[in-house]
Protein backbone atom coordinates (compact mmCIF):
# COMPACT_ATOMS: atom_id res chain seq x y z
CA MET A 1 111.68 -70.68 -167.78
CA ASP A 2 113.97 -69.81 -170.61
CA MET A 3 112.73 -71.60 -173.72
CA SER A 4 114.55 -69.45 -176.26
CA THR A 5 116.55 -72.26 -177.88
CA GLU A 6 115.89 -75.89 -178.72
CA HIS A 7 118.78 -76.93 -176.48
CA LYS A 8 117.23 -75.22 -173.43
CA VAL A 9 113.82 -76.74 -174.13
CA LEU A 10 115.34 -80.21 -174.48
CA ASP A 11 117.27 -79.71 -171.22
CA LEU A 12 114.02 -78.71 -169.47
CA LYS A 13 112.27 -81.75 -170.94
CA ASN A 14 115.08 -84.02 -169.69
CA ARG A 15 114.89 -82.54 -166.20
CA ILE A 16 111.13 -82.90 -165.99
CA GLU A 17 111.22 -86.51 -167.16
CA ALA A 18 113.94 -87.32 -164.64
CA SER A 19 111.88 -85.72 -161.87
CA ILE A 20 108.82 -87.77 -162.82
CA VAL A 21 110.82 -91.00 -162.71
CA ILE A 22 112.31 -90.11 -159.32
CA TRP A 23 108.92 -89.18 -157.85
CA LYS A 24 107.36 -92.42 -159.12
CA ARG A 25 110.17 -94.45 -157.57
CA LYS A 26 109.83 -92.65 -154.27
CA MET A 27 106.06 -93.21 -154.23
CA ASN A 28 106.47 -96.92 -154.95
CA LYS A 29 109.23 -97.36 -152.39
CA ASP A 30 108.12 -99.34 -149.35
CA GLY A 31 110.64 -97.92 -146.87
CA LYS A 32 110.94 -94.41 -145.57
CA SER A 33 112.22 -91.88 -148.04
CA SER A 34 113.86 -88.56 -147.43
CA TRP A 35 110.58 -86.85 -148.31
CA SER A 36 108.41 -88.87 -145.93
CA SER A 37 108.14 -86.21 -143.26
CA ALA A 38 108.31 -83.14 -145.46
CA ILE A 39 105.86 -83.91 -148.27
CA SER A 40 102.77 -86.09 -148.14
CA MET A 41 101.98 -88.77 -150.70
CA GLU A 42 99.12 -86.64 -152.04
CA LYS A 43 101.43 -83.71 -152.68
CA ARG A 44 103.91 -85.96 -154.44
CA GLU A 45 101.12 -87.17 -156.72
CA VAL A 46 100.15 -83.56 -157.43
CA PHE A 47 103.78 -82.71 -158.28
CA GLU A 48 103.97 -85.70 -160.60
CA GLU A 49 100.70 -84.81 -162.34
CA ARG A 50 101.80 -81.20 -162.84
CA ALA A 51 105.15 -82.31 -164.21
CA GLU A 52 103.47 -84.69 -166.63
CA THR A 53 101.12 -81.92 -167.75
CA ILE A 54 104.03 -79.54 -168.33
CA LEU A 55 105.90 -82.25 -170.22
CA LEU A 56 102.87 -82.85 -172.44
CA MET A 57 102.55 -79.12 -173.12
CA ILE A 58 106.23 -78.91 -174.08
CA LYS A 59 105.85 -81.86 -176.44
CA GLN A 60 102.81 -80.25 -178.06
CA GLN A 61 104.39 -76.82 -178.37
CA PHE A 62 107.69 -78.17 -179.73
CA PRO A 63 106.79 -81.27 -181.78
CA GLY A 64 110.14 -81.42 -183.59
CA LEU A 65 112.29 -81.82 -180.48
CA PRO A 66 114.80 -84.68 -180.53
CA GLN A 67 114.29 -87.61 -178.20
CA SER A 68 115.03 -87.03 -174.55
CA SER A 69 117.84 -88.75 -172.67
CA LEU A 70 115.29 -91.00 -170.99
CA ASP A 71 113.81 -92.08 -174.33
CA ILE A 72 117.27 -92.78 -175.74
CA SER A 73 118.17 -94.81 -172.65
CA LYS A 74 114.95 -96.83 -172.86
CA ILE A 75 115.63 -97.67 -176.49
CA GLN A 76 119.29 -98.43 -175.88
CA TYR A 77 118.69 -100.77 -172.92
CA ASN A 78 115.28 -102.05 -174.06
CA LYS A 79 113.59 -101.05 -170.80
């Protein structure tokens, strides 16, 4: 992973947060998802946990990063 500039780190943070949201939605979905046959629920949970750990490490290593797109959206739409 290229983390040489603040812009690249913020882009990585945005992508990880988006992935976490998508995985959580897919795990909570009642119907069949496109992943149902390829990846088990346990593996999805592992992916989500790893992504959250990486996100936490990025936030700790780069404490002065601006807010992510997800954070801005949550504030803007009060969700």
